[in-house]
Amino acid sequence: MSQLDKHSVTIFERRRVRGTISPLQEIIKRGFDIAFAIAGLLLLSPLMLLVSLGIKSESPGPVVCRHKRYGLNNEAFEVFEFRTADPDQEEKTFTDLSNKIRYATRFSQLLRRSGIDKIPLLVNVLRGEMSIVGPHPFATAPGRAFHPLELHKVRPGLVSWAQVNDDEGETANSVKSLDRRIEYDRYYLENRSFSFDMKILLLTLLSQRTY
């Protein structure tokens, strides 16, 4: 078990998470996810085209990359993101503290810092693999490694309470950073509701912090 796994298991075992969202709110939440994803893909399609052309013109390799993540009921799925790293770079995961992203170009670095590279995740939302708001997606199955947190009982989110409060997000490179993110995910699971989702989304849109 890695250093991050050991620290994270300790946090997860503190107490069991209580679900608070009603079946009606689940239906409303899913309806909002679908509407938001469709609207986002339509409105952002010109930007996506420009980004695709920019990636192709500045570096070889695919425009969109795929990474394995775990979601609802521990089911594995592939997340879609605009490629920002070198094509031959091994995928960065939260279990590797020493791995650093090697941006293909300055344009790729801009995509990463602005969060534009995450736009294709709307396809995952539309497919029902992710939600607009939810816990941060993990690269290993949370229900198997970290069952007490019960992350596997909800869809991972495009944006999260951790993202609003922590400017490191997925690029967390220390045990402390990951533990902090886990605590934010725990808080979200204990207090989740559609109104809380709207608060998180609004704070994300108004914040300068990115994925």
N, C-alpha and C. Protein backbone atom coordinates (compact mmCIF):
# COMPACT_ATOMS: atom_id res chain seq x y z
N MET A 1 0.84 -1.20 0.00
CA MET A 1 0.00 0.00 0.00
C MET A 1 0.88 1.25 0.00
N SER A 2 0.55 2.21 -0.86
CA SER A 2 1.38 3.41 -0.99
C SER A 2 1.20 4.33 0.20
N GLN A 3 2.08 5.33 0.27
CA GLN A 3 2.03 6.31 1.36
C GLN A 3 0.69 7.03 1.38
N LEU A 4 0.20 7.41 0.20
CA LEU A 4 -1.08 8.12 0.13
C LEU A 4 -2.21 7.22 0.56
N ASP A 5 -2.19 5.95 0.16
CA ASP A 5 -3.25 5.02 0.53
C ASP A 5 -3.35 4.87 2.04
N LYS A 6 -2.19 4.73 2.72
CA LYS A 6 -2.18 4.55 4.16
C LYS A 6 -2.78 5.74 4.88
N HIS A 7 -2.40 6.96 4.46
CA HIS A 7 -2.94 8.15 5.10
C HIS A 7 -4.43 8.28 4.82
N SER A 8 -4.85 7.96 3.61
CA SER A 8 -6.24 8.14 3.23
C SER A 8 -7.15 7.16 3.95
N VAL A 9 -6.70 5.90 4.11
CA VAL A 9 -7.51 4.91 4.80
C VAL A 9 -7.76 5.34 6.23
N THR A 10 -6.75 5.95 6.87
CA THR A 10 -6.91 6.44 8.23
C THR A 10 -8.03 7.46 8.32
N ILE A 11 -8.07 8.38 7.37
CA ILE A 11 -9.11 9.40 7.35
C ILE A 11 -10.47 8.78 7.11
N PHE A 12 -10.56 7.85 6.16
CA PHE A 12 -11.84 7.27 5.77
C PHE A 12 -12.48 6.49 6.90
N GLU A 13 -11.67 5.95 7.81
CA GLU A 13 -12.20 5.07 8.84
C GLU A 13 -12.71 5.82 10.07
N ARG A 14 -12.71 7.13 10.03
CA ARG A 14 -13.13 7.90 11.21
C ARG A 14 -14.62 7.73 11.50
N ARG A 15 -15.47 7.81 10.47
CA ARG A 15 -16.89 7.68 10.69
C ARG A 15 -17.56 7.38 9.37
N ARG A 16 -18.76 6.83 9.43
CA ARG A 16 -19.47 6.45 8.23
C ARG A 16 -20.25 7.66 7.71
N VAL A 17 -20.29 7.79 6.38
CA VAL A 17 -20.94 8.93 5.76
C VAL A 17 -22.44 8.70 5.67
N ARG A 18 -23.21 9.74 5.91
CA ARG A 18 -24.67 9.67 5.82
C ARG A 18 -25.12 10.34 4.53
N GLY A 19 -25.96 9.66 3.77
CA GLY A 19 -26.53 10.26 2.57
C GLY A 19 -27.69 11.17 2.95
N THR A 20 -27.86 12.30 2.29
CA THR A 20 -28.89 13.25 2.67
C THR A 20 -29.81 13.63 1.51
N ILE A 21 -29.53 13.17 0.31
CA ILE A 21 -30.28 13.61 -0.84
C ILE A 21 -31.48 12.67 -1.07
N SER A 22 -32.64 13.25 -1.37
CA SER A 22 -33.86 12.48 -1.55
C SER A 22 -33.95 11.95 -2.98
N PRO A 23 -34.80 10.93 -3.21
CA PRO A 23 -34.98 10.42 -4.58
C PRO A 23 -35.42 11.50 -5.56
N LEU A 24 -36.30 12.41 -5.11
CA LEU A 24 -36.75 13.49 -5.99
C LEU A 24 -35.59 14.40 -6.38
N GLN A 25 -34.74 14.71 -5.41
CA GLN A 25 -33.58 15.54 -5.70
C GLN A 25 -32.60 14.83 -6.64
N GLU A 26 -32.51 13.51 -6.52
CA GLU A 26 -31.67 12.74 -7.43
C GLU A 26 -32.17 12.89 -8.87
N ILE A 27 -33.49 12.85 -9.06
CA ILE A 27 -34.08 13.01 -10.39
C ILE A 27 -33.82 14.41 -10.92
N ILE A 28 -34.02 15.41 -10.06
CA ILE A 28 -33.78 16.80 -10.46
C ILE A 28 -32.31 17.00 -10.81
N LYS A 29 -31.44 16.42 -10.00
CA LYS A 29 -30.00 16.56 -10.22
C LYS A 29 -29.59 15.95 -11.57
N ARG A 30 -30.12 14.77 -11.87
CA ARG A 30 -29.78 14.13 -13.13
C ARG A 30 -30.33 14.91 -14.32
N GLY A 31 -31.55 15.43 -14.17
CA GLY A 31 -32.13 16.26 -15.23
C GLY A 31 -31.30 17.50 -15.48
N PHE A 32 -30.83 18.11 -14.41
CA PHE A 32 -29.98 19.29 -14.55
C PHE A 32 -28.67 18.93 -15.23
N ASP A 33 -28.08 17.78 -14.85
CA ASP A 33 -26.83 17.33 -15.46
C ASP A 33 -26.97 17.22 -16.98
N ILE A 34 -28.05 16.58 -17.41
CA ILE A 34 -28.27 16.37 -18.85
C ILE A 34 -28.44 17.70 -19.57
N ALA A 35 -29.28 18.57 -19.01
CA ALA A 35 -29.53 19.87 -19.64
C ALA A 35 -28.27 20.72 -19.70
N PHE A 36 -27.51 20.73 -18.60
CA PHE A 36 -26.28 21.52 -18.53
C PHE A 36 -25.25 20.99 -19.52
N ALA A 37 -25.11 19.67 -19.60
CA ALA A 37 -24.13 19.08 -20.50
C ALA A 37 -24.46 19.36 -21.96
N ILE A 38 -25.71 19.22 -22.33
CA ILE A 38 -26.12 19.50 -23.71
C ILE A 38 -25.89 20.96 -24.06
N ALA A 39 -26.33 21.86 -23.17
CA ALA A 39 -26.16 23.29 -23.41
C ALA A 39 -24.68 23.66 -23.48
N GLY A 40 -23.88 23.08 -22.58
CA GLY A 40 -22.46 23.38 -22.57
C GLY A 40 -21.75 22.93 -23.83
N LEU A 41 -22.06 21.72 -24.30
CA LEU A 41 -21.42 21.21 -25.51
C LEU A 41 -21.82 22.03 -26.74
N LEU A 42 -23.08 22.46 -26.79
CA LEU A 42 -23.53 23.27 -27.93
C LEU A 42 -22.89 24.66 -27.92
N LEU A 43 -22.91 25.29 -26.77
CA LEU A 43 -22.39 26.66 -26.67
C LEU A 43 -20.87 26.70 -26.82
N LEU A 44 -20.22 25.68 -26.35
CA LEU A 44 -18.75 25.67 -26.36
C LEU A 44 -18.17 24.96 -27.58
N SER A 45 -19.01 24.49 -28.49
CA SER A 45 -18.51 23.78 -29.66
C SER A 45 -17.54 24.61 -30.51
N PRO A 46 -17.77 25.92 -30.72
CA PRO A 46 -16.77 26.70 -31.47
C PRO A 46 -15.41 26.74 -30.76
N LEU A 47 -15.44 26.90 -29.43
CA LEU A 47 -14.20 26.91 -28.66
C LEU A 47 -13.51 25.55 -28.74
N MET A 48 -14.27 24.47 -28.66
CA MET A 48 -13.70 23.14 -28.75
C MET A 48 -13.02 22.91 -30.09
N LEU A 49 -13.61 23.45 -31.15
CA LEU A 49 -13.02 23.33 -32.47
C LEU A 49 -11.68 24.07 -32.54
N LEU A 50 -11.65 25.29 -31.99
CA LEU A 50 -10.42 26.07 -31.99
C LEU A 50 -9.33 25.39 -31.15
N VAL A 51 -9.73 24.85 -30.01
CA VAL A 51 -8.76 24.16 -29.16
C VAL A 51 -8.20 22.93 -29.88
N SER A 52 -9.07 22.19 -30.56
CA SER A 52 -8.62 21.01 -31.30
C SER A 52 -7.61 21.37 -32.38
N LEU A 53 -7.90 22.45 -33.09
CA LEU A 53 -6.98 22.90 -34.12
C LEU A 53 -5.65 23.36 -33.52
N GLY A 54 -5.73 24.03 -32.37
CA GLY A 54 -4.52 24.49 -31.69
C GLY A 54 -3.64 23.35 -31.24
N ILE A 55 -4.24 22.31 -30.67
CA ILE A 55 -3.48 21.16 -30.21
C ILE A 55 -2.82 20.45 -31.38
N LYS A 56 -3.57 20.26 -32.46
CA LYS A 56 -3.05 19.58 -33.63
C LYS A 56 -1.92 20.34 -34.30
N SER A 57 -2.03 21.66 -34.30
CA SER A 57 -1.03 22.47 -34.98
C SER A 57 0.28 22.60 -34.21
N GLU A 58 0.24 22.38 -32.89
CA GLU A 58 1.43 22.60 -32.07
C GLU A 58 2.14 21.34 -31.62
N SER A 59 1.47 20.19 -31.65
CA SER A 59 2.13 18.97 -31.20
C SER A 59 1.47 17.75 -31.83
N PRO A 60 2.25 16.70 -32.07
CA PRO A 60 1.69 15.47 -32.63
C PRO A 60 0.89 14.71 -31.57
N GLY A 61 0.04 13.81 -32.03
CA GLY A 61 -0.71 12.99 -31.10
C GLY A 61 -2.20 13.31 -31.14
N PRO A 62 -2.98 12.58 -30.36
CA PRO A 62 -4.43 12.77 -30.37
C PRO A 62 -4.84 14.09 -29.74
N VAL A 63 -5.99 14.60 -30.13
CA VAL A 63 -6.52 15.84 -29.55
C VAL A 63 -7.10 15.56 -28.17
N VAL A 64 -7.81 14.46 -28.05
CA VAL A 64 -8.45 14.09 -26.78
C VAL A 64 -7.77 12.85 -26.21
N CYS A 65 -7.48 12.88 -24.92
CA CYS A 65 -6.90 11.72 -24.26
C CYS A 65 -7.94 11.09 -23.34
N ARG A 66 -7.73 9.84 -23.01
CA ARG A 66 -8.66 9.11 -22.15
C ARG A 66 -7.91 8.56 -20.95
N HIS A 67 -8.54 8.69 -19.78
CA HIS A 67 -7.95 8.17 -18.55
C HIS A 67 -8.99 7.32 -17.83
N LYS A 68 -8.54 6.25 -17.23
CA LYS A 68 -9.44 5.36 -16.49
C LYS A 68 -9.75 5.93 -15.12
N ARG A 69 -11.04 5.99 -14.80
CA ARG A 69 -11.50 6.43 -13.49
C ARG A 69 -12.60 5.49 -13.00
N TYR A 70 -12.93 5.59 -11.72
CA TYR A 70 -13.99 4.76 -11.15
C TYR A 70 -15.13 5.66 -10.68
N GLY A 71 -16.36 5.21 -10.94
CA GLY A 71 -17.51 6.03 -10.61
C GLY A 71 -18.55 5.29 -9.81
N LEU A 72 -19.81 5.48 -10.17
CA LEU A 72 -20.94 4.90 -9.46
C LEU A 72 -20.83 3.38 -9.45
N ASN A 73 -21.01 2.80 -8.25
CA ASN A 73 -20.95 1.34 -8.06
C ASN A 73 -19.59 0.75 -8.46
N ASN A 74 -18.55 1.54 -8.33
CA ASN A 74 -17.18 1.08 -8.62
C ASN A 74 -16.96 0.72 -10.08
N GLU A 75 -17.82 1.16 -10.96
CA GLU A 75 -17.67 0.82 -12.37
C GLU A 75 -16.61 1.71 -13.01
N ALA A 76 -15.69 1.08 -13.73
CA ALA A 76 -14.63 1.82 -14.41
C ALA A 76 -15.17 2.47 -15.67
N PHE A 77 -14.68 3.66 -15.96
CA PHE A 77 -15.05 4.35 -17.20
C PHE A 77 -13.88 5.22 -17.63
N GLU A 78 -13.93 5.70 -18.84
CA GLU A 78 -12.88 6.54 -19.38
C GLU A 78 -13.33 8.00 -19.39
N VAL A 79 -12.54 8.88 -18.79
CA VAL A 79 -12.84 10.30 -18.84
C VAL A 79 -12.15 10.90 -20.07
N PHE A 80 -12.79 11.88 -20.67
CA PHE A 80 -12.27 12.53 -21.86
C PHE A 80 -11.76 13.92 -21.51
N GLU A 81 -10.54 14.23 -21.93
CA GLU A 81 -9.96 15.54 -21.71
C GLU A 81 -9.13 15.93 -22.93
N PHE A 82 -9.04 17.24 -23.18
CA PHE A 82 -8.12 17.69 -24.21
C PHE A 82 -6.70 17.36 -23.76
N ARG A 83 -5.90 16.86 -24.69
CA ARG A 83 -4.54 16.47 -24.33
C ARG A 83 -3.67 17.69 -24.03
N THR A 84 -2.99 17.63 -22.89
CA THR A 84 -2.08 18.71 -22.51
C THR A 84 -0.66 18.21 -22.27
N ALA A 85 -0.49 16.90 -22.08
CA ALA A 85 0.83 16.35 -21.79
C ALA A 85 1.41 15.69 -23.03
N ASP A 86 2.70 15.36 -22.96
CA ASP A 86 3.34 14.64 -24.05
C ASP A 86 2.64 13.31 -24.28
N PRO A 87 2.46 12.90 -25.53
CA PRO A 87 1.74 11.66 -25.82
C PRO A 87 2.34 10.42 -25.16
N ASP A 88 3.66 10.40 -24.96
CA ASP A 88 4.30 9.21 -24.40
C ASP A 88 4.40 9.24 -22.88
N GLN A 89 3.80 10.29 -22.25
CA GLN A 89 3.89 10.38 -20.79
C GLN A 89 2.91 9.42 -20.14
N GLU A 90 3.39 8.69 -19.17
CA GLU A 90 2.51 7.79 -18.44
C GLU A 90 1.52 8.62 -17.64
N GLU A 91 0.26 8.15 -17.55
CA GLU A 91 -0.78 8.90 -16.87
C GLU A 91 -0.40 9.21 -15.43
N LYS A 92 -0.64 10.44 -15.06
CA LYS A 92 -0.40 10.87 -13.69
C LYS A 92 -1.58 10.48 -12.81
N THR A 93 -1.32 9.86 -11.69
CA THR A 93 -2.39 9.52 -10.76
C THR A 93 -2.05 10.06 -9.39
N PHE A 94 -3.06 10.09 -8.52
CA PHE A 94 -2.85 10.67 -7.20
C PHE A 94 -1.99 9.79 -6.31
N THR A 95 -1.65 8.58 -6.76
CA THR A 95 -0.82 7.70 -5.95
C THR A 95 0.66 7.89 -6.21
N ASP A 96 1.00 8.75 -7.15
CA ASP A 96 2.41 8.97 -7.49
C ASP A 96 2.78 10.41 -7.18
N LEU A 97 3.49 10.60 -6.09
CA LEU A 97 3.81 11.95 -5.64
C LEU A 97 4.90 12.61 -6.48
N SER A 98 5.75 11.79 -7.09
CA SER A 98 6.90 12.35 -7.79
C SER A 98 6.63 12.66 -9.25
N ASN A 99 5.50 12.16 -9.78
CA ASN A 99 5.21 12.34 -11.20
C ASN A 99 4.78 13.77 -11.48
N LYS A 100 5.38 14.40 -12.45
CA LYS A 100 5.05 15.77 -12.81
C LYS A 100 4.55 15.83 -14.24
N ILE A 101 3.63 16.72 -14.49
CA ILE A 101 3.09 16.86 -15.83
C ILE A 101 4.10 17.56 -16.73
N ARG A 102 4.35 16.99 -17.90
CA ARG A 102 5.19 17.64 -18.90
C ARG A 102 4.26 18.16 -20.00
N TYR A 103 4.04 19.45 -19.99
CA TYR A 103 3.15 20.03 -20.97
C TYR A 103 3.77 19.95 -22.36
N ALA A 104 2.95 19.64 -23.35
CA ALA A 104 3.43 19.53 -24.72
C ALA A 104 3.87 20.89 -25.26
N THR A 105 3.06 21.93 -24.98
CA THR A 105 3.36 23.28 -25.44
C THR A 105 2.86 24.28 -24.41
N ARG A 106 3.17 25.55 -24.62
CA ARG A 106 2.62 26.60 -23.76
C ARG A 106 1.11 26.68 -23.90
N PHE A 107 0.63 26.38 -25.09
CA PHE A 107 -0.81 26.35 -25.32
C PHE A 107 -1.48 25.28 -24.45
N SER A 108 -0.83 24.14 -24.34
CA SER A 108 -1.34 23.06 -23.49
C SER A 108 -1.35 23.48 -22.02
N GLN A 109 -0.33 24.20 -21.62
CA GLN A 109 -0.27 24.69 -20.25
C GLN A 109 -1.41 25.66 -19.97
N LEU A 110 -1.72 26.49 -20.94
CA LEU A 110 -2.84 27.43 -20.80
C LEU A 110 -4.16 26.67 -20.66
N LEU A 111 -4.33 25.62 -21.44
CA LEU A 111 -5.55 24.82 -21.36
C LEU A 111 -5.71 24.23 -19.97
N ARG A 112 -4.62 23.72 -19.43
CA ARG A 112 -4.66 23.08 -18.12
C ARG A 112 -4.99 24.09 -17.02
N ARG A 113 -4.32 25.21 -17.06
CA ARG A 113 -4.50 26.20 -15.99
C ARG A 113 -5.87 26.88 -16.06
N SER A 114 -6.43 27.00 -17.24
CA SER A 114 -7.73 27.64 -17.39
C SER A 114 -8.89 26.68 -17.17
N GLY A 115 -8.60 25.37 -17.20
CA GLY A 115 -9.65 24.38 -17.05
C GLY A 115 -10.34 24.02 -18.35
N ILE A 116 -9.92 24.64 -19.46
CA ILE A 116 -10.54 24.37 -20.75
C ILE A 116 -10.32 22.91 -21.17
N ASP A 117 -9.24 22.31 -20.70
CA ASP A 117 -8.98 20.91 -21.06
C ASP A 117 -10.04 19.96 -20.54
N LYS A 118 -10.86 20.43 -19.57
CA LYS A 118 -11.88 19.58 -18.96
C LYS A 118 -13.22 19.63 -19.70
N ILE A 119 -13.36 20.47 -20.70
CA ILE A 119 -14.65 20.60 -21.39
C ILE A 119 -15.17 19.26 -21.91
N PRO A 120 -14.33 18.39 -22.49
CA PRO A 120 -14.86 17.10 -22.97
C PRO A 120 -15.49 16.23 -21.88
N LEU A 121 -15.25 16.55 -20.61
CA LEU A 121 -15.88 15.79 -19.53
C LEU A 121 -17.39 15.92 -19.58
N LEU A 122 -17.90 16.94 -20.26
CA LEU A 122 -19.35 17.07 -20.41
C LEU A 122 -19.95 15.87 -21.13
N VAL A 123 -19.15 15.23 -21.98
CA VAL A 123 -19.60 14.00 -22.64
C VAL A 123 -19.80 12.90 -21.60
N ASN A 124 -18.89 12.81 -20.62
CA ASN A 124 -19.05 11.84 -19.54
C ASN A 124 -20.30 12.11 -18.71
N VAL A 125 -20.59 13.40 -18.52
CA VAL A 125 -21.81 13.77 -17.78
C VAL A 125 -23.04 13.33 -18.56
N LEU A 126 -23.05 13.59 -19.85
CA LEU A 126 -24.18 13.23 -20.70
C LEU A 126 -24.39 11.72 -20.73
N ARG A 127 -23.31 10.98 -20.68
CA ARG A 127 -23.39 9.52 -20.70
C ARG A 127 -23.78 8.93 -19.36
N GLY A 128 -23.88 9.76 -18.33
CA GLY A 128 -24.28 9.28 -17.02
C GLY A 128 -23.15 8.73 -16.18
N GLU A 129 -21.92 8.92 -16.61
CA GLU A 129 -20.76 8.43 -15.88
C GLU A 129 -20.29 9.42 -14.82
N MET A 130 -20.60 10.69 -15.03
CA MET A 130 -20.24 11.74 -14.08
C MET A 130 -21.43 12.67 -13.87
N SER A 131 -21.31 13.51 -12.88
CA SER A 131 -22.31 14.55 -12.61
C SER A 131 -21.62 15.90 -12.75
N ILE A 132 -22.40 16.97 -12.88
CA ILE A 132 -21.80 18.30 -12.92
C ILE A 132 -21.10 18.59 -11.60
N VAL A 133 -21.74 18.24 -10.50
CA VAL A 133 -21.16 18.45 -9.16
C VAL A 133 -21.11 17.11 -8.43
N GLY A 134 -19.99 16.82 -7.81
CA GLY A 134 -19.84 15.58 -7.06
C GLY A 134 -18.44 15.47 -6.50
N PRO A 135 -18.12 14.37 -5.85
CA PRO A 135 -16.76 14.18 -5.34
C PRO A 135 -15.76 14.12 -6.48
N HIS A 136 -14.53 14.41 -6.18
CA HIS A 136 -13.49 14.35 -7.21
C HIS A 136 -13.31 12.90 -7.67
N PRO A 137 -13.21 12.65 -8.99
CA PRO A 137 -13.01 11.27 -9.46
C PRO A 137 -11.65 10.72 -9.06
N PHE A 138 -11.62 9.44 -8.69
CA PHE A 138 -10.39 8.78 -8.28
C PHE A 138 -9.90 7.83 -9.36
N ALA A 139 -8.61 7.61 -9.37
CA ALA A 139 -8.00 6.70 -10.34
C ALA A 139 -8.00 5.26 -9.86
N THR A 140 -8.38 5.02 -8.60
CA THR A 140 -8.57 3.66 -8.10
C THR A 140 -9.95 3.59 -7.49
N ALA A 141 -10.51 2.40 -7.43
CA ALA A 141 -11.90 2.25 -6.99
C ALA A 141 -12.04 2.61 -5.52
N PRO A 142 -12.73 3.72 -5.18
CA PRO A 142 -12.85 4.14 -3.78
C PRO A 142 -13.65 3.17 -2.95
N GLY A 143 -14.61 2.48 -3.54
CA GLY A 143 -15.43 1.55 -2.78
C GLY A 143 -14.68 0.31 -2.37
N ARG A 144 -13.59 0.01 -3.07
CA ARG A 144 -12.79 -1.16 -2.72
C ARG A 144 -11.68 -0.77 -1.74
N ALA A 145 -10.96 0.30 -2.09
CA ALA A 145 -9.83 0.70 -1.24
C ALA A 145 -10.28 1.50 -0.03
N PHE A 146 -11.34 2.32 -0.18
CA PHE A 146 -11.73 3.24 0.86
C PHE A 146 -13.23 3.15 1.12
N HIS A 147 -13.74 1.97 1.41
CA HIS A 147 -15.19 1.74 1.49
C HIS A 147 -15.93 2.67 2.45
N PRO A 148 -15.39 2.98 3.65
CA PRO A 148 -16.16 3.81 4.58
C PRO A 148 -16.57 5.17 4.04
N LEU A 149 -15.84 5.74 3.09
CA LEU A 149 -16.22 7.04 2.56
C LEU A 149 -17.42 6.95 1.63
N GLU A 150 -17.68 5.78 1.06
CA GLU A 150 -18.84 5.53 0.20
C GLU A 150 -18.86 6.41 -1.03
N LEU A 151 -17.69 6.75 -1.56
CA LEU A 151 -17.64 7.52 -2.80
C LEU A 151 -18.26 6.77 -3.96
N HIS A 152 -18.25 5.45 -3.89
CA HIS A 152 -18.76 4.64 -4.99
C HIS A 152 -20.28 4.69 -5.10
N LYS A 153 -20.96 5.32 -4.15
CA LYS A 153 -22.42 5.37 -4.18
C LYS A 153 -22.95 6.61 -4.89
N VAL A 154 -22.05 7.48 -5.33
CA VAL A 154 -22.46 8.68 -6.07
C VAL A 154 -21.57 8.84 -7.30
N ARG A 155 -22.07 9.57 -8.28
CA ARG A 155 -21.27 9.85 -9.47
C ARG A 155 -20.20 10.88 -9.14
N PRO A 156 -18.98 10.72 -9.63
CA PRO A 156 -17.96 11.76 -9.46
C PRO A 156 -18.36 13.01 -10.22
N GLY A 157 -17.83 14.14 -9.82
CA GLY A 157 -18.27 15.41 -10.39
C GLY A 157 -17.26 16.10 -11.29
N LEU A 158 -17.78 16.87 -12.21
CA LEU A 158 -16.95 17.74 -13.04
C LEU A 158 -16.33 18.83 -12.18
N VAL A 159 -17.11 19.33 -11.22
CA VAL A 159 -16.61 20.27 -10.22
C VAL A 159 -16.95 19.70 -8.85
N SER A 160 -16.23 20.13 -7.83
CA SER A 160 -16.41 19.56 -6.50
C SER A 160 -16.24 20.61 -5.41
N TRP A 161 -16.70 20.26 -4.23
CA TRP A 161 -16.52 21.13 -3.06
C TRP A 161 -15.03 21.28 -2.76
N ALA A 162 -14.26 20.23 -3.02
CA ALA A 162 -12.81 20.30 -2.82
C ALA A 162 -12.20 21.32 -3.77
N GLN A 163 -12.69 21.37 -4.99
CA GLN A 163 -12.15 22.32 -5.97
C GLN A 163 -12.40 23.76 -5.55
N VAL A 164 -13.56 24.00 -4.98
CA VAL A 164 -13.90 25.35 -4.53
C VAL A 164 -12.97 25.81 -3.42
N ASN A 165 -12.59 24.87 -2.54
CA ASN A 165 -11.83 25.21 -1.34
C ASN A 165 -10.33 24.98 -1.44
N ASP A 166 -9.90 24.19 -2.45
CA ASP A 166 -8.49 23.80 -2.53
C ASP A 166 -7.98 24.09 -3.92
N ASP A 167 -6.96 24.97 -4.04
CA ASP A 167 -6.49 25.36 -5.36
C ASP A 167 -5.55 24.35 -6.00
N GLU A 168 -5.30 23.21 -5.32
CA GLU A 168 -4.42 22.19 -5.92
C GLU A 168 -5.21 21.15 -6.68
N GLY A 169 -6.40 20.77 -6.15
CA GLY A 169 -7.26 19.84 -6.85
C GLY A 169 -6.56 18.56 -7.25
N GLU A 170 -6.70 18.18 -8.52
CA GLU A 170 -6.16 16.92 -9.00
C GLU A 170 -4.64 16.93 -9.04
N THR A 171 -4.03 18.10 -8.99
CA THR A 171 -2.58 18.17 -9.05
C THR A 171 -1.95 18.12 -7.66
N ALA A 172 -2.74 17.75 -6.66
CA ALA A 172 -2.21 17.62 -5.31
C ALA A 172 -1.01 16.70 -5.32
N ASN A 173 0.11 17.17 -4.73
CA ASN A 173 1.35 16.38 -4.81
C ASN A 173 1.92 16.06 -3.44
N SER A 174 1.04 15.98 -2.43
CA SER A 174 1.51 15.61 -1.11
C SER A 174 0.38 14.90 -0.37
N VAL A 175 0.76 14.16 0.65
CA VAL A 175 -0.23 13.48 1.47
C VAL A 175 -1.19 14.49 2.09
N LYS A 176 -0.66 15.61 2.56
CA LYS A 176 -1.49 16.63 3.18
C LYS A 176 -2.52 17.17 2.21
N SER A 177 -2.11 17.41 0.97
CA SER A 177 -3.03 17.94 -0.04
C SER A 177 -4.15 16.95 -0.33
N LEU A 178 -3.81 15.67 -0.45
CA LEU A 178 -4.82 14.66 -0.73
C LEU A 178 -5.76 14.49 0.45
N ASP A 179 -5.22 14.47 1.66
CA ASP A 179 -6.06 14.34 2.85
C ASP A 179 -7.05 15.48 2.96
N ARG A 180 -6.60 16.68 2.62
CA ARG A 180 -7.48 17.84 2.66
C ARG A 180 -8.61 17.70 1.64
N ARG A 181 -8.26 17.21 0.47
CA ARG A 181 -9.27 17.01 -0.57
C ARG A 181 -10.29 15.96 -0.14
N ILE A 182 -9.82 14.92 0.53
CA ILE A 182 -10.70 13.85 1.00
C ILE A 182 -11.68 14.38 2.04
N GLU A 183 -11.21 15.26 2.92
CA GLU A 183 -12.09 15.84 3.94
C GLU A 183 -13.19 16.68 3.28
N TYR A 184 -12.86 17.40 2.22
CA TYR A 184 -13.87 18.18 1.50
C TYR A 184 -14.89 17.25 0.85
N ASP A 185 -14.43 16.13 0.29
CA ASP A 185 -15.35 15.16 -0.32
C ASP A 185 -16.27 14.57 0.74
N ARG A 186 -15.72 14.30 1.91
CA ARG A 186 -16.53 13.77 3.00
C ARG A 186 -17.62 14.77 3.40
N TYR A 187 -17.25 16.02 3.51
CA TYR A 187 -18.22 17.04 3.87
C TYR A 187 -19.35 17.11 2.83
N TYR A 188 -18.95 17.03 1.56
CA TYR A 188 -19.96 17.08 0.49
C TYR A 188 -20.93 15.91 0.62
N LEU A 189 -20.42 14.70 0.84
CA LEU A 189 -21.28 13.53 0.93
C LEU A 189 -22.22 13.60 2.13
N GLU A 190 -21.76 14.21 3.21
CA GLU A 190 -22.60 14.32 4.40
C GLU A 190 -23.67 15.39 4.27
N ASN A 191 -23.46 16.34 3.38
CA ASN A 191 -24.37 17.49 3.29
C ASN A 191 -24.96 17.68 1.90
N ARG A 192 -24.80 16.71 1.02
CA ARG A 192 -25.18 16.92 -0.37
C ARG A 192 -26.69 17.10 -0.54
N SER A 193 -27.01 18.02 -1.40
CA SER A 193 -28.38 18.31 -1.79
C SER A 193 -28.30 19.09 -3.10
N PHE A 194 -29.41 19.22 -3.78
CA PHE A 194 -29.39 19.95 -5.05
C PHE A 194 -29.04 21.41 -4.83
N SER A 195 -29.51 22.00 -3.74
CA SER A 195 -29.19 23.40 -3.45
C SER A 195 -27.71 23.57 -3.15
N PHE A 196 -27.11 22.59 -2.47
CA PHE A 196 -25.67 22.64 -2.20
C PHE A 196 -24.90 22.52 -3.51
N ASP A 197 -25.39 21.67 -4.42
CA ASP A 197 -24.75 21.56 -5.74
C ASP A 197 -24.75 22.90 -6.46
N MET A 198 -25.88 23.61 -6.41
CA MET A 198 -25.97 24.90 -7.08
C MET A 198 -25.02 25.92 -6.45
N LYS A 199 -24.86 25.84 -5.15
CA LYS A 199 -23.92 26.72 -4.47
C LYS A 199 -22.50 26.44 -4.93
N ILE A 200 -22.14 25.16 -5.00
CA ILE A 200 -20.80 24.78 -5.44
C ILE A 200 -20.55 25.23 -6.87
N LEU A 201 -21.54 25.03 -7.74
CA LEU A 201 -21.39 25.42 -9.14
C LEU A 201 -21.22 26.93 -9.27
N LEU A 202 -22.02 27.69 -8.52
CA LEU A 202 -21.91 29.15 -8.56
C LEU A 202 -20.56 29.62 -8.05
N LEU A 203 -20.10 29.05 -6.94
CA LEU A 203 -18.80 29.43 -6.39
C LEU A 203 -17.67 29.07 -7.35
N THR A 204 -17.83 27.95 -8.06
CA THR A 204 -16.82 27.54 -9.03
C THR A 204 -16.74 28.53 -10.20
N LEU A 205 -17.91 28.94 -10.69
CA LEU A 205 -17.94 29.87 -11.81
C LEU A 205 -17.39 31.24 -11.43
N LEU A 206 -17.56 31.62 -10.16
CA LEU A 206 -17.09 32.94 -9.71
C LEU A 206 -15.65 32.90 -9.23
N SER A 207 -15.10 31.70 -9.04
CA SER A 207 -13.77 31.57 -8.48
C SER A 207 -12.73 31.63 -9.58
N GLN A 208 -11.52 32.08 -9.22
CA GLN A 208 -10.39 32.09 -10.15
C GLN A 208 -9.63 30.78 -10.10
N ARG A 209 -10.00 29.92 -9.16
CA ARG A 209 -9.32 28.64 -9.06
C ARG A 209 -9.85 27.72 -10.16
N THR A 210 -8.99 26.91 -10.68
CA THR A 210 -9.36 26.00 -11.76
C THR A 210 -9.07 24.57 -11.37
N TYR A 211 -9.45 23.64 -12.27
CA TYR A 211 -9.15 22.25 -12.06
C TYR A 211 -7.67 22.06 -12.08
